[in-house]
Structure formats: structure tokens, C-alpha cells
Protein backbone atom coordinates (compact mmCIF):
# COMPACT_ATOMS: atom_id res chain seq x y z
CA MET A 1 0.00 0.00 0.00
CA PHE A 2 2.78 2.40 0.94
CA GLN A 3 5.53 1.11 -1.36
CA ASN A 4 5.50 4.10 -3.70
CA ILE A 5 5.39 6.73 -0.95
CA GLN A 6 8.68 8.48 -0.32
CA THR A 7 10.11 8.56 3.18
CA ILE A 8 10.62 12.00 4.70
CA ILE A 9 14.15 12.42 6.06
CA LEU A 10 14.70 14.77 9.00
CA ASP A 11 18.45 15.03 9.49
CA VAL A 12 19.02 16.83 12.80
CA ASN A 13 22.61 17.73 13.61
CA ASP A 14 24.09 19.98 16.28
CA GLY A 15 23.02 23.25 14.68
CA GLU A 16 20.88 22.60 11.64
CA MET A 17 18.06 20.47 10.29
CA ARG A 18 18.14 19.14 6.74
CA ALA A 19 14.83 17.88 5.40
CA GLY A 20 14.08 16.02 2.20
CA TYR A 21 12.90 12.77 0.68
CA SER A 22 14.27 9.28 0.13
CA GLY A 23 15.95 8.69 -3.20
CA GLU A 24 17.23 12.25 -3.47
CA CYS A 25 20.90 13.22 -3.32
CA SER A 26 20.48 16.46 -1.36
CA PRO A 27 17.99 17.94 1.11
CA ARG A 28 15.21 20.12 -0.19
CA TYR A 29 15.19 22.44 2.81
CA LYS A 30 17.72 23.51 5.42
CA SER A 31 16.95 25.35 8.62
CA ASN A 32 18.84 26.29 11.77
CA LEU A 33 17.36 24.93 14.98
CA ILE A 34 16.34 28.40 16.15
CA LEU A 35 13.03 30.23 16.45
CA GLY A 36 12.67 33.97 16.86
CA LEU A 37 11.16 34.91 20.23
CA PRO A 38 9.52 38.38 20.37
CA LEU A 39 10.31 40.06 23.70
CA GLY A 40 7.87 41.94 25.91
CA HIS A 41 4.66 40.52 24.43
CA ASN A 42 3.99 37.45 26.60
CA ALA A 43 4.84 35.42 23.53
CA THR A 44 3.80 31.80 23.10
CA LEU A 45 5.08 29.32 20.54
CA LYS A 46 2.40 30.57 18.15
CA HIS A 47 4.10 33.98 18.12
CA THR A 48 7.58 32.68 17.31
CA ILE A 49 9.26 33.54 14.01
CA PHE A 50 10.13 30.91 11.40
CA PRO A 51 12.27 30.85 9.40
CA LEU A 52 14.63 33.06 11.37
CA LEU A 53 17.21 34.38 8.91
CA PRO A 54 20.42 36.11 10.07
CA GLU A 55 20.26 38.46 7.06
CA THR A 56 16.92 39.89 8.20
CA LYS A 57 16.67 42.67 10.79
CA ARG A 58 14.47 41.78 13.76
CA ASP A 59 13.90 44.24 16.61
CA ASN A 60 13.40 42.94 20.16
CA VAL A 61 13.78 39.33 19.11
CA GLU A 62 15.76 36.77 21.10
CA LEU A 63 17.10 33.43 19.85
CA LEU A 64 15.06 30.43 21.00
CA TYR A 65 17.11 27.25 20.52
CA GLY A 66 15.62 23.82 20.01
CA MET A 67 18.90 22.00 20.64
CA LYS A 68 22.12 23.13 22.32
CA TYR A 69 25.42 21.31 22.59
CA VAL A 70 26.94 21.25 26.08
CA TYR A 71 30.46 20.11 26.96
CA ASN A 72 31.43 20.51 30.61
CA ASP A 73 34.83 20.68 32.27
CA ASN A 74 34.56 16.99 33.23
CA ASN A 75 34.85 16.10 29.53
CA ASN A 76 31.22 15.00 29.36
CA SER A 77 29.03 16.08 26.47
CA ARG A 78 25.27 16.12 26.05
CA TYR A 79 22.50 17.80 24.11
CA ASP A 80 20.19 20.16 25.96
CA ILE A 81 16.90 19.79 24.08
CA ASN A 82 13.78 21.90 24.35
CA PHE A 83 11.23 19.42 23.04
CA GLU A 84 8.46 22.02 22.81
CA VAL A 85 10.63 24.14 20.52
CA MET A 86 11.64 21.08 18.49
CA GLU A 87 7.98 20.18 18.06
CA LYS A 88 7.28 23.68 16.75
CA LEU A 89 10.27 23.44 14.41
CA PHE A 90 8.98 20.14 13.00
CA GLU A 91 5.58 21.75 12.53
CA ASP A 92 7.14 24.66 10.66
CA ILE A 93 9.32 22.34 8.56
CA SER A 94 6.21 20.50 7.40
CA GLY A 95 4.42 23.78 6.66
CA SER A 96 4.10 25.87 3.53
CA LYS A 97 7.33 27.80 4.23
CA ALA A 98 9.39 24.62 3.95
CA LEU A 99 8.39 21.13 2.71
CA ASP A 100 4.63 21.80 2.60
CA VAL A 101 3.78 18.20 3.42
CA ASN A 102 1.75 16.27 5.97
CA PHE A 103 4.00 14.03 8.08
CA GLN A 104 1.21 11.53 8.72
CA ASP A 105 1.15 10.62 5.02
CA HIS A 106 4.80 9.49 4.90
CA PRO A 107 7.22 7.25 6.79
CA ILE A 108 9.72 9.32 8.77
CA LEU A 109 13.45 8.70 9.12
CA LEU A 110 14.75 10.84 11.98
CA THR A 111 18.48 11.06 12.64
CA GLU A 112 19.94 11.36 16.12
CA PRO A 113 23.39 12.21 17.54
CA ASN A 114 25.80 9.41 18.35
CA LYS A 115 25.54 10.11 22.07
CA THR A 116 21.92 9.81 23.13
CA ASP A 117 19.99 8.02 25.83
CA SER A 118 16.65 6.23 25.99
CA LYS A 119 14.89 9.44 27.07
CA TYR A 120 15.95 11.19 23.86
CA ARG A 121 14.61 8.40 21.64
CA GLU A 122 11.43 7.92 23.63
CA LYS A 123 10.58 11.64 23.65
CA PHE A 124 11.06 12.02 19.90
CA THR A 125 9.13 8.80 19.27
CA GLU A 126 6.22 10.08 21.35
CA LEU A 127 6.40 13.43 19.58
CA MET A 128 6.14 11.86 16.13
CA PHE A 129 3.40 9.37 16.94
CA GLU A 130 1.32 11.63 19.19
CA SER A 131 1.73 15.11 17.68
CA TYR A 132 2.06 14.21 14.00
CA ASN A 133 0.31 10.83 13.88
CA VAL A 134 2.98 9.28 11.65
CA TYR A 135 2.39 5.64 10.77
CA GLN A 136 6.05 4.56 10.48
CA LEU A 137 9.17 5.91 12.19
CA PHE A 138 12.81 4.93 12.11
CA LEU A 139 15.57 6.44 14.28
CA SER A 140 19.15 6.17 13.12
CA ARG A 141 22.43 7.56 14.38
CA ARG A 142 24.13 10.08 12.14
CA SER A 143 27.54 8.43 11.88
CA VAL A 144 25.98 5.14 10.76
CA LEU A 145 24.18 6.93 7.94
CA SER A 146 27.32 8.91 7.04
CA CYS A 147 29.10 5.58 6.71
CA TYR A 148 26.43 4.39 4.26
CA GLY A 149 26.63 7.71 2.43
CA CYS A 150 30.29 6.94 1.68
CA ALA A 151 29.37 3.45 0.38
CA ARG A 152 30.72 1.72 3.49
CA THR A 153 29.12 -0.30 6.27
CA SER A 154 32.14 -0.36 8.60
CA GLY A 155 34.86 2.07 9.54
CA LEU A 156 35.95 4.87 11.85
CA VAL A 157 33.72 7.85 11.16
CA LEU A 158 35.30 11.26 11.80
CA ASN A 159 32.47 13.77 11.79
CA VAL A 160 33.44 17.45 12.07
CA GLU A 161 30.35 19.59 12.38
CA LYS A 162 29.39 23.06 13.55
CA ASN A 163 29.75 22.70 17.32
CA CYS A 164 31.65 19.47 17.85
CA THR A 165 33.91 16.81 16.39
CA ASN A 166 33.32 13.15 17.13
CA LEU A 167 34.91 9.85 16.23
CA CYS A 168 33.12 6.54 16.49
CA GLY A 169 33.59 3.03 15.18
CA ILE A 170 30.92 1.44 13.00
CA TYR A 171 30.83 -2.31 12.37
CA GLU A 172 28.19 -3.38 9.84
CA GLY A 173 25.80 -0.71 11.05
CA TYR A 174 26.56 -1.21 14.74
CA ILE A 175 27.97 1.77 16.62
CA PHE A 176 30.35 1.16 19.52
CA GLN A 177 28.79 3.42 22.13
CA LYS A 178 31.56 3.00 24.70
CA HIS A 179 34.28 4.05 22.28
CA ILE A 180 32.94 7.39 21.06
CA GLU A 181 35.37 10.31 21.30
CA GLU A 182 34.01 13.85 21.21
CA VAL A 183 35.35 17.39 21.65
CA PRO A 184 33.68 20.83 21.31
CA ILE A 185 35.81 21.82 18.30
CA GLY A 186 33.96 22.74 15.12
CA GLY A 187 33.13 25.33 12.53
CA GLU A 188 31.47 27.71 14.99
CA LEU A 189 34.71 28.00 17.00
CA ILE A 190 36.58 28.92 13.80
CA ASP A 191 33.95 31.58 13.04
CA ARG A 192 34.41 33.10 16.49
CA ILE A 193 38.20 33.15 16.09
CA TYR A 194 37.94 34.77 12.66
CA LEU A 195 35.58 37.44 14.01
CA SER A 196 37.87 38.27 16.93
CA TYR A 197 40.97 38.27 14.72
CA LEU A 198 39.49 40.62 12.12
CA GLU A 199 37.99 43.06 14.62
CA ASN A 200 40.70 43.10 17.28
CA THR A 201 43.86 42.52 15.25
CA LYS A 202 43.05 43.80 11.78
CA ASN A 203 40.63 46.51 12.99
CA ILE A 204 38.04 45.41 10.45
CA LYS A 205 34.57 45.82 11.91
CA ILE A 206 32.14 43.10 10.85
CA TYR A 207 28.58 44.33 10.35
CA PRO A 208 25.60 42.00 9.88
CA PHE A 209 23.84 42.07 6.54
CA PHE A 210 20.76 43.65 8.11
CA SER A 211 22.74 46.63 9.44
CA ILE A 212 23.72 47.77 5.94
CA ASP A 213 21.43 50.29 4.24
CA LYS A 214 22.27 50.43 0.54
CA THR A 215 20.71 53.33 -1.33
CA SER A 216 21.30 53.91 -5.00
CA ASN A 217 22.65 57.32 -5.96
CA THR A 218 21.58 57.77 -9.58
CA GLU A 219 23.36 61.12 -10.04
CA LYS A 220 26.81 59.85 -9.08
CA ARG A 221 26.00 56.37 -10.40
CA ASN A 222 27.40 54.62 -7.38
CA ASN A 223 26.13 52.99 -4.21
CA GLU A 224 26.24 54.78 -0.88
CA ILE A 225 26.50 52.38 2.02
CA LYS A 226 25.08 53.51 5.33
CA ILE A 227 25.57 51.63 8.60
CA LEU A 228 22.37 51.37 10.64
CA LYS A 229 22.72 51.60 14.42
CA CYS A 230 20.03 48.98 15.18
CA PRO A 231 19.43 50.01 18.84
CA LEU A 232 16.49 47.62 19.26
CA VAL A 233 18.31 44.55 17.99
CA THR A 234 19.36 42.32 20.90
CA LYS A 235 23.07 41.68 21.45
CA SER A 236 22.77 37.96 20.81
CA TYR A 237 20.86 38.52 17.56
CA TYR A 238 23.43 41.09 16.38
CA LEU A 239 26.34 38.77 17.17
CA TRP A 240 24.50 35.92 15.43
CA GLY A 241 24.21 38.10 12.33
CA SER A 242 27.91 39.03 12.48
CA LEU A 243 28.96 35.38 12.78
CA HIS A 244 26.82 34.61 9.75
CA VAL A 245 28.81 37.17 7.73
CA ILE A 246 32.02 35.46 8.88
CA ASN A 247 30.60 32.09 7.91
CA GLN A 248 29.79 33.35 4.42
CA MET A 249 33.30 34.77 4.09
CA LYS A 250 34.73 31.43 5.20
CA GLU A 251 32.66 29.62 2.58
CA ASN A 252 34.13 31.83 -0.15
CA LEU A 253 37.74 32.26 0.99
CA ILE A 254 38.70 29.26 3.08
CA ASN A 255 36.62 26.28 1.97
CA ASP A 256 37.61 24.13 -0.99
CA TYR A 257 34.23 23.47 -2.54
CA GLN A 258 31.20 25.59 -3.21
CA HIS A 259 27.65 24.36 -3.54
CA PRO A 260 26.42 25.06 -7.09
CA ASN A 261 23.76 27.42 -5.74
CA ASP A 262 26.46 29.52 -4.04
CA LYS A 263 28.71 30.07 -7.07
CA LYS A 264 26.96 33.23 -8.23
CA LYS A 265 27.14 34.65 -4.70
CA LYS A 266 30.84 33.86 -4.60
CA ASP A 267 31.47 35.64 -7.89
CA THR A 268 29.79 38.82 -6.64
CA ASN A 269 31.80 38.88 -3.40
CA MET A 270 35.20 38.07 -4.91
CA THR A 271 36.59 41.34 -6.26
CA ASP A 272 39.39 39.93 -8.42
CA GLY A 273 41.55 36.88 -8.95
CA ASN A 274 43.77 37.58 -5.92
CA ASN A 275 41.37 36.17 -3.29
CA ASN A 276 40.13 39.59 -2.22
CA TYR A 277 36.72 39.43 -0.57
CA LYS A 278 34.17 42.21 -0.27
CA LEU A 279 32.28 42.50 3.03
CA PRO A 280 28.66 43.74 3.18
CA ASP A 281 29.79 47.25 4.19
CA GLY A 282 32.18 47.48 1.23
CA ASN A 283 35.41 46.82 3.13
CA ILE A 284 37.86 44.49 1.43
CA ILE A 285 39.55 41.44 2.92
CA ASP A 286 42.82 41.58 1.01
CA GLN A 287 44.91 38.64 -0.08
CA HIS A 288 47.37 38.90 2.82
CA THR A 289 44.56 38.83 5.39
CA SER A 290 42.82 35.93 3.67
CA GLU A 291 46.06 33.94 3.65
CA THR A 292 46.61 34.53 7.36
CA LEU A 293 43.05 33.33 7.95
CA ARG A 294 43.98 30.10 6.20
CA LEU A 295 46.73 29.55 8.78
CA ILE A 296 44.26 29.58 11.67
CA PHE A 297 42.33 26.45 10.73
CA PRO A 298 45.34 24.03 10.69
CA TYR A 299 46.51 25.52 13.98
CA ILE A 300 43.18 24.91 15.73
CA PHE A 301 42.37 21.48 14.28
CA PHE A 302 45.88 20.00 14.03
CA ARG A 303 47.99 22.28 16.26
CA LYS A 304 50.06 22.75 13.11
CA LYS A 305 52.41 25.73 13.10
CA TYR A 306 53.95 27.00 9.90
CA ASN A 307 57.29 28.76 9.57
CA GLN A 308 59.21 30.44 6.77
CA ASN A 309 60.54 27.14 5.44
CA SER A 310 57.25 25.22 5.47
CA ILE A 311 55.13 28.09 4.14
CA SER A 312 57.28 28.38 1.01
CA LYS A 313 56.28 24.84 0.03
CA ILE A 314 52.57 25.67 -0.03
CA ASN A 315 51.23 26.71 -3.39
CA GLY A 316 49.06 29.80 -3.43
CA LEU A 317 50.35 31.47 -0.27
CA THR A 318 52.50 34.25 -1.68
CA THR A 319 52.23 37.18 0.74
CA LEU A 320 53.36 35.53 4.00
CA ASN A 321 57.11 35.62 3.45
CA ASP A 322 57.59 38.54 5.84
CA ILE A 323 55.24 37.42 8.61
CA ASN A 324 56.58 36.68 12.09
CA PHE A 325 54.95 33.31 12.70
CA ASN A 326 55.81 33.10 16.40
CA LEU A 327 54.14 36.44 17.09
CA PHE A 328 51.17 35.43 14.95
CA TYR A 329 50.48 32.23 16.90
CA ASP A 330 51.08 33.94 20.25
CA MET A 331 48.56 36.59 19.23
CA LEU A 332 45.97 33.91 18.41
CA ARG A 333 46.27 32.34 21.85
CA LYS A 334 45.62 35.71 23.49
CA LEU A 335 42.51 36.57 21.48
CA LYS A 336 39.33 37.13 23.45
CA LEU A 337 36.61 35.26 21.60
CA PRO A 338 33.01 36.48 21.30
CA VAL A 339 30.52 34.24 23.08
CA LEU A 340 27.02 33.70 21.72
CA LEU A 341 25.05 32.93 24.87
CA LYS A 342 22.24 30.44 24.35
CA TYR A 343 19.63 31.14 26.99
CA ASN A 344 17.25 28.56 28.39
CA TYR A 345 13.49 29.00 28.15
CA LYS A 346 10.50 27.01 29.36
CA ILE A 347 6.82 26.92 28.53
CA ASN A 348 4.48 27.98 31.34
CA ASN A 349 1.97 25.14 31.69
CA THR A 350 -0.75 27.53 32.87
CA ASN A 351 -0.79 30.16 30.13
CA SER A 352 1.66 28.68 27.54
CA ILE A 353 3.85 31.81 27.76
CA ILE A 354 7.55 31.30 27.04
CA GLU A 355 9.57 32.25 30.12
CA LYS A 356 13.30 32.70 30.48
CA ILE A 357 15.07 30.45 32.97
CA ILE A 358 17.68 32.09 35.17
CA ASP A 359 20.99 30.49 34.23
CA ASN A 360 22.87 28.45 36.79
CA THR A 361 26.18 30.30 37.12
CA ASN A 362 28.14 27.13 37.86
CA GLU A 363 26.70 25.24 34.90
CA LYS A 364 27.29 28.21 32.62
CA SER A 365 30.93 28.59 33.65
CA SER A 366 31.57 24.86 33.32
CA ASN A 367 30.30 24.73 29.73
CA ILE A 368 33.47 24.86 27.65
CA CYS A 369 31.44 25.92 24.61
CA TYR A 370 31.22 29.36 26.30
CA ALA A 371 35.00 29.67 26.75
CA ASP A 372 36.46 32.93 25.42
CA GLN A 373 40.08 31.76 25.17
CA ILE A 374 41.61 29.34 22.67
CA GLU A 375 43.79 27.95 25.46
CA THR A 376 40.70 26.45 27.14
CA TYR A 377 40.06 24.30 24.09
CA PHE A 378 43.72 23.32 23.78
CA GLU A 379 43.61 21.93 27.32
CA ILE A 380 41.28 19.16 26.14
CA PHE A 381 42.35 18.84 22.50
CA ASP A 382 45.83 18.12 21.13
CA GLY A 383 44.88 17.96 17.47
CA LEU A 384 42.89 15.59 15.30
CA GLN A 385 45.87 13.27 14.87
CA ASP A 386 46.02 12.60 18.63
CA PHE A 387 42.22 12.57 18.81
CA ILE A 388 42.02 9.79 16.19
CA LYS A 389 44.90 7.89 17.74
CA LYS A 390 43.18 7.99 21.12
CA GLY A 391 40.01 6.61 19.56
CA ILE A 392 41.87 3.69 17.96
CA LEU A 393 43.68 2.96 21.24
CA SER A 394 40.33 2.67 23.04
CA PHE A 395 39.43 -0.21 20.70
CA ILE A 396 42.81 -1.90 21.02
CA SER A 397 42.79 -1.62 24.83
CA ALA A 398 39.37 -3.29 24.84
CA ASN A 399 40.81 -6.12 22.72
CA ILE A 400 38.67 -5.20 19.72
CA HIS A 401 40.75 -5.75 16.59
CA LEU A 402 38.52 -5.26 13.57
CA ASP A 403 40.38 -4.36 10.39
CA GLU A 404 37.16 -3.21 8.72
CA VAL A 405 36.78 -0.60 11.47
CA LEU A 406 40.28 0.48 12.46
CA ASN A 407 41.85 0.67 9.00
CA PHE A 408 39.23 2.81 7.25
CA LEU A 409 38.82 6.43 8.32
CA ILE A 410 35.64 7.99 6.92
CA VAL A 411 35.83 11.80 6.85
CA THR A 412 32.55 13.68 6.79
CA GLY A 413 30.87 16.84 8.02
CA GLU A 414 30.51 20.43 6.88
CA SER A 415 33.65 21.59 8.69
CA THR A 416 35.87 19.18 6.75
CA MET A 417 35.44 21.46 3.73
CA PHE A 418 38.30 23.69 4.88
CA HIS A 419 41.09 24.12 2.36
CA ASN A 420 43.34 21.02 2.22
CA PHE A 421 41.69 19.39 5.25
CA VAL A 422 42.09 15.86 3.87
CA GLY A 423 45.61 16.60 2.65
CA ILE A 424 46.77 17.69 6.10
CA LEU A 425 45.05 14.70 7.69
CA LYS A 426 46.82 12.33 5.28
CA SER A 427 50.19 13.77 6.31
CA TYR A 428 49.55 12.54 9.87
CA LEU A 429 48.61 8.95 8.90
CA PRO A 430 52.14 7.61 9.60
CA PHE A 431 51.86 9.03 13.13
CA ILE A 432 48.41 7.45 13.60
CA ASP A 433 49.51 4.07 12.19
CA THR A 434 52.32 3.65 14.72
CA ILE A 435 49.89 1.94 17.11
CA LYS A 436 48.68 -0.74 14.68
CA GLU A 437 50.06 -3.06 12.06
CA LYS A 438 48.08 -2.07 8.96
CA SER A 439 47.92 1.35 7.38
CA THR A 440 44.84 3.57 7.46
CA LYS A 441 42.90 4.41 4.32
CA ILE A 442 40.91 7.64 4.21
CA ILE A 443 37.43 7.44 2.66
CA TYR A 444 35.68 10.68 1.77
CA SER A 445 33.32 12.21 -0.75
CA LYS A 446 34.73 14.76 -3.14
CA GLY A 447 32.85 17.98 -3.55
CA ALA A 448 29.89 19.31 -1.62
CA ASP A 449 28.51 15.81 -0.93
CA ARG A 450 30.77 15.62 2.11
CA ARG A 451 28.53 18.15 3.85
CA CYS A 452 25.50 15.89 3.66
CA ASN A 453 26.84 12.32 3.72
CA CYS A 454 24.40 11.62 6.52
CA PHE A 455 21.43 12.71 4.41
CA ILE A 456 22.70 10.70 1.42
CA GLY A 457 23.04 7.60 3.62
CA ALA A 458 19.53 8.13 4.96
CA SER A 459 18.27 8.54 1.39
CA ILE A 460 19.86 5.26 0.34
CA LEU A 461 18.66 3.32 3.38
CA SER A 462 15.08 4.56 3.17
CA SER A 463 14.98 3.65 -0.54
CA LEU A 464 15.53 -0.04 0.16
CA GLY A 465 12.49 -2.23 -0.37
CA SER A 466 12.78 -3.74 3.10
CA PHE A 467 13.05 -0.39 4.89
CA PRO A 468 9.40 -0.44 6.14
CA GLN A 469 10.19 -3.62 8.10
CA PHE A 470 12.83 -1.76 10.12
CA CYS A 471 10.39 0.93 11.19
CA MET A 472 8.38 1.33 14.33
CA THR A 473 4.69 1.56 13.51
CA LYS A 474 1.80 3.45 15.05
CA SER A 475 -0.01 0.19 15.81
CA GLU A 476 3.04 -1.14 17.67
CA TYR A 477 3.30 2.12 19.57
CA GLU A 478 -0.33 1.92 20.68
CA GLU A 479 -0.16 -1.77 21.54
CA PHE A 480 3.23 -2.11 23.23
CA GLY A 481 4.13 1.41 24.37
CA VAL A 482 7.01 3.68 23.52
CA LYS A 483 9.70 1.95 25.59
CA ASN A 484 9.04 -1.48 24.14
CA ILE A 485 9.10 -0.44 20.51
CA VAL A 486 12.22 1.70 20.93
CA ASP A 487 13.97 -1.31 22.46
CA LYS A 488 12.35 -3.88 20.17
CA ASN A 489 15.53 -4.84 18.32
CA GLU A 490 17.33 -5.78 21.51
CA LEU A 491 14.32 -7.76 22.64
CA ILE A 492 14.20 -9.56 19.28
CA GLU A 493 17.79 -10.75 19.78
CA ARG A 494 16.88 -12.06 23.22
CA GLY A 495 13.80 -13.80 21.82
CA ILE A 496 11.30 -12.08 24.10
CA TYR A 497 9.85 -9.41 21.82
CA PRO A 498 6.08 -9.70 21.18
CA HIS A 499 5.86 -10.03 17.41
CA PRO A 500 3.92 -7.34 15.57
CA PRO A 501 0.92 -8.47 13.52
CA ASN A 502 1.70 -10.13 10.16
CA CYS A 503 5.43 -10.02 10.80
CA SER A 504 7.20 -12.99 12.33
CA LYS A 505 10.34 -12.75 14.39
CA GLY A 506 12.29 -14.71 11.80
CA LYS A 507 11.24 -12.35 9.02
CA ILE A 508 12.36 -9.28 10.96
CA VAL A 509 15.71 -10.80 11.92
CA GLN A 510 16.32 -12.02 8.35
CA THR A 511 15.52 -8.57 6.95
CA MET A 512 17.90 -6.90 9.40
CA THR A 513 20.58 -9.46 8.54
CA ASN A 514 20.21 -8.94 4.81
CA TYR A 515 20.66 -5.18 4.81
CA GLN A 516 21.43 -3.38 8.01
CA ARG A 517 21.41 -3.79 11.73
CA SER A 518 18.94 -1.31 13.20
CA ASP A 519 20.73 1.14 15.47
CA THR A 520 17.88 2.61 17.45
CA ILE A 521 19.29 0.81 20.49
CA ILE A 522 22.74 -0.07 21.80
CA THR A 523 23.34 -3.57 23.10
CA SER A 524 25.87 -4.58 25.71
CA ARG A 525 27.44 -7.17 23.40
CA PRO A 526 31.03 -6.45 22.26
CA PHE A 527 29.95 -6.51 18.62
CA PRO A 528 26.99 -7.87 16.62
CA PRO A 529 26.97 -11.37 15.14
CA VAL A 530 28.55 -11.69 11.72
CA CYS A 531 26.36 -12.98 8.90
CA LYS A 532 27.57 -16.14 7.13
CA GLN A 533 27.49 -14.35 3.78
CA LYS A 534 29.63 -11.35 2.95
CA ARG A 535 27.10 -8.75 3.95
CA ASP A 536 29.44 -5.82 3.23
CA GLU A 537 29.76 -6.73 -0.42
CA ARG A 538 26.02 -7.20 -0.86
CA ILE A 539 25.14 -3.92 0.85
CA ILE A 540 27.69 -2.00 -1.20
CA ARG A 541 26.17 -3.44 -4.38
CA VAL A 542 22.77 -2.31 -3.14
CA ILE A 543 24.14 1.12 -2.24
CA LEU A 544 25.78 1.56 -5.63
CA SER A 545 22.69 0.40 -7.49
CA HIS A 546 20.54 2.83 -5.55
CA GLU A 547 23.03 5.65 -6.08
CA ARG A 548 22.92 5.03 -9.81
CA SER A 549 19.13 4.90 -9.77
CA TYR A 550 18.37 7.79 -7.46
CA LEU A 551 21.45 9.92 -7.03
CA VAL A 552 22.07 10.47 -10.72
CA THR A 553 22.70 14.20 -10.23
CA SER A 554 25.57 13.60 -7.81
CA SER A 555 28.83 14.34 -9.58
CA SER A 556 31.01 12.71 -6.93
CA THR A 557 29.32 9.35 -6.45
CA MET A 558 31.90 7.28 -8.30
CA ASN A 559 34.80 9.43 -7.07
CA ARG A 560 34.44 7.74 -3.68
CA TRP A 561 35.95 4.63 -5.25
């Protein structure tokens, strides 16, 4: 009955939601996980603003986050989720401003972070079945799907996103929960460093797009640019807009690949062939400044310091011959970084008004994501090469020696698009391989596909003919309850799961064995049972056949091989 209905994919990462359909190579809609909250009007969720765009001026509007990444000084990470806000975001995503679709008419594939607990899965399962009346739901961890998106079923997945970087081992769709490494280093930290460097060191003020008033002067035939004061714009909203300008500059100057839709925008901002970039207020980021910006990323992610000898070997960097590198790196460590505070809000159960929660000072100070010094991050992070080596050692120390996992490093995430990211990482492979016998092979997608490997993997998985048999159903939810259906795969292995109607236990297990182990739960077993047949080869053939059938517009599909 539902075979020809496309699955809706809701790919939720640490700062953005990508929404689209199965069988498609890219999401149809992208949205940050933020609603606009009008201040001083006893606002409810009905009054919130969606989509909230950093280019648009909003007076007396605060940022209302659906999901926030928290990393405390005990090296523990978690996601602080406002489920009421997430429910409103899902409602808006399904509305006319985004997908314009009814969730109850489609199966839903919802991604989740690698580190989650049963409460996370149960709350989102309840939300989908109760609020949106979906008839089929599947939860899958992002790194597992990213692995599929790179035509692999096993490997070490290095995912570098907006707010964090994590490394986890995947074995035939099974994620090793006890061996996940994570640090609060990502693209947002780079944006903050760039903003501080330009404003405090280069004396280049960064103005948000909405603070620029461009009026055409027909007599002089030029454009007069006026800076608006924006007294009613909140500090957090203004800083958010400034960081967005930095992010756009980074996309044009620092990153290797541009999305096809962004090429025209890049051409208008690039003033000539010397990597000069024009800011919204008309100021120019010259070639020397752009080349110094390129030095910051390797220093933060790899602790890599250049000098006069090493910089001369890099093609394209021509204006750094006279720079004092020691002073440059010392200056970076002393920068005071801007902090975008993410306030907590709750919904008043009596009148549904959104109320601000007074922040716990101790919790706020212990959240490393709010640190304003680079040194704080360096205390917990010695570079990706040590980070990866530590992750491999955790497997070896636990006596887990799986060549399919430890010898294949899958690189994915939007923040791996920095110039020469993979090249620098490859240079550290001999250092990483000192702890094991075989060499490491890096697997990655060329081009913009690397940003959305997770979505591509979800698209492939949800296109399989047996995908509906993986899903939780509304009838199961009503009959067995949320906890039982979220844990059903573990119960199936133990032989105590009450079989759903018209679907025997053997059929479910065989389906999972043929294609993919469902990862909505984490078992306590060291690793899942290995199928007698070579499941990797069969799944890769399925993945490739589906990529050829559905992802025909992807230019980099075959480049992965």
C-alpha cells in the first residue's frame, strides 16, 4: 500500500536540520534549529518567528534554541533539548514555508546524535506518533548513515560539524557506544576566532547584513552604504548576524568546494583573482589577510604551526614571506573570543507563555562551549591526529581488533570542507599508524557531498524495499508502548519481543541481517553477530545500485571509489 510513498528524512545535527525525501541526493530544505522569540509581548510558541534568517533585521527578538550542545569541564558532552521548541520546528518544517507536506502521510526517518539516551529516543518517538500521527518511524544515528553515504558499512567515522567533532567506530551498522570520542571543536569556533581576529587585530569591523542600508545614488552612479545603528536589535541577535557574515566569508575564501547554488554569490563577493573578498559594508579582505586566515584552521584542528621554510612549500600562499609566525600564533592564543550565549526557556503550563530560565552560574561557567580563550580548548584537545589515535587505542585496549573498522577512516561533516583538510590529515597517517600493524585508508566524498553524507546515507537506506520492516509503527506504539518499541531490536535478539501483527520474528531478523542492523538501540554485546554471507559486499552493491538509480545528479558518487 505504501511502497511508492517516499520517506521524509529529518536530518538533525548539532546546529541545523536538513529535510528532504528518500531517493534524493540532497535535502530540499535547510533550517537552523532556532526560532525567533519576540520580547515583551507574553509570547507563546504561536508567536515565534520561522524561518529566522540572520540576514533579516528583527527588533526585540531573542534566539530560541531547540537544541544546544553542552560540553562541561569533566569532559562529558550532552544535548540540551527543548522538546516544545523542536515540536514547533517540526511543525514549521512541514508547513508551507518549507516542505509543505503532511507528516502523517509518509514514513519518517529521523536522525539522532551518536551520544543519546533512551529518554531522547522515547521523547522524539512520542512526539512523532502523538503530535504528527505518523504511521512509520525509524531512528538512526548520524555516523551510521554517514558511513552508508560513503558506500561503506564499517569504519571509523570522523564527523566534524558546527559545534563538535566526534569519532566513532561502526561495524556493519553497529555503533560502539563505549568508544565514542568527542570534543567541542567545530566550525562555529573557527567563526568566532575569525571574528575576533578581524575586529581586534586587523581593525576590520564586521557588520551583519541587516545593518547595511544600501541606497542607490543615480546622479553619481554609485552605491552609498550607510551603517544602521540597530538600537532595538538584541546583542545575541546582532552577534549571530555578524557570525553569519564570517561564515559566508569562510565559505568563499577558506573552503575548498562551493555548492552550485552559491557560485553566483561567490562571484559577486570576490573582487578579483587575488582572493580579495568584499564585506557587506564594502570593506575588502585583502589577499594577505585571507592567507593569514587560512593559517588559523590548521593551527586549531591539528595544532600545526607554519614557519618560513614550510610556508614556502605551499602553493598559493605568496604574501606571507615577511610574517613573524611566532608572534602570529602567540597573538591567536591571546585573542578574546566572542561568546554567543544560548539562553534557556521554558513553557508555562498555565498560560503557555515562554519564560526565560535564570541560568545556573556554575553550569554556565563549566560549559566549555562558552570559553572565550583558545587555550581552554587546547587543554582538552591536542589535534585531530592525537584525537584519532586515542580513539583507535580505546578499541585496542578493549581487545577489539577489527580491520574493517580500524583501517578505514571515513571523513565527513561540513567543517571538513576547509582548504586542504584531507591533505593535512593524510600527512599525519604515519603518526596514527604507529599503534597498529596495517595502514589507514581515508574514505571521503569529493565535492559538496561531504557536507551531507548523513542525508545521502539516509536517502539510500530509506529507498531499500525492506526499509518499512525496520520501522516502528503506530499500531506497535499503541499496543506495546514507547519503551518497548524503541527497544524492540534488543528484545528480538533475546527472543522475548512480542511479534507485531503479520510479521514474524524470523522475518524481521532475516531482513535486518540482509541489509542493516537497526541502530535505534545499543546492546551490551562487544559486537553484533557476523552474517555467514559477505554482507558488506552485498550492501555495497545495493548502495551503488541505488546511487545510480536515485542519485544520478551527484557528480562525486563514483569518485568515492
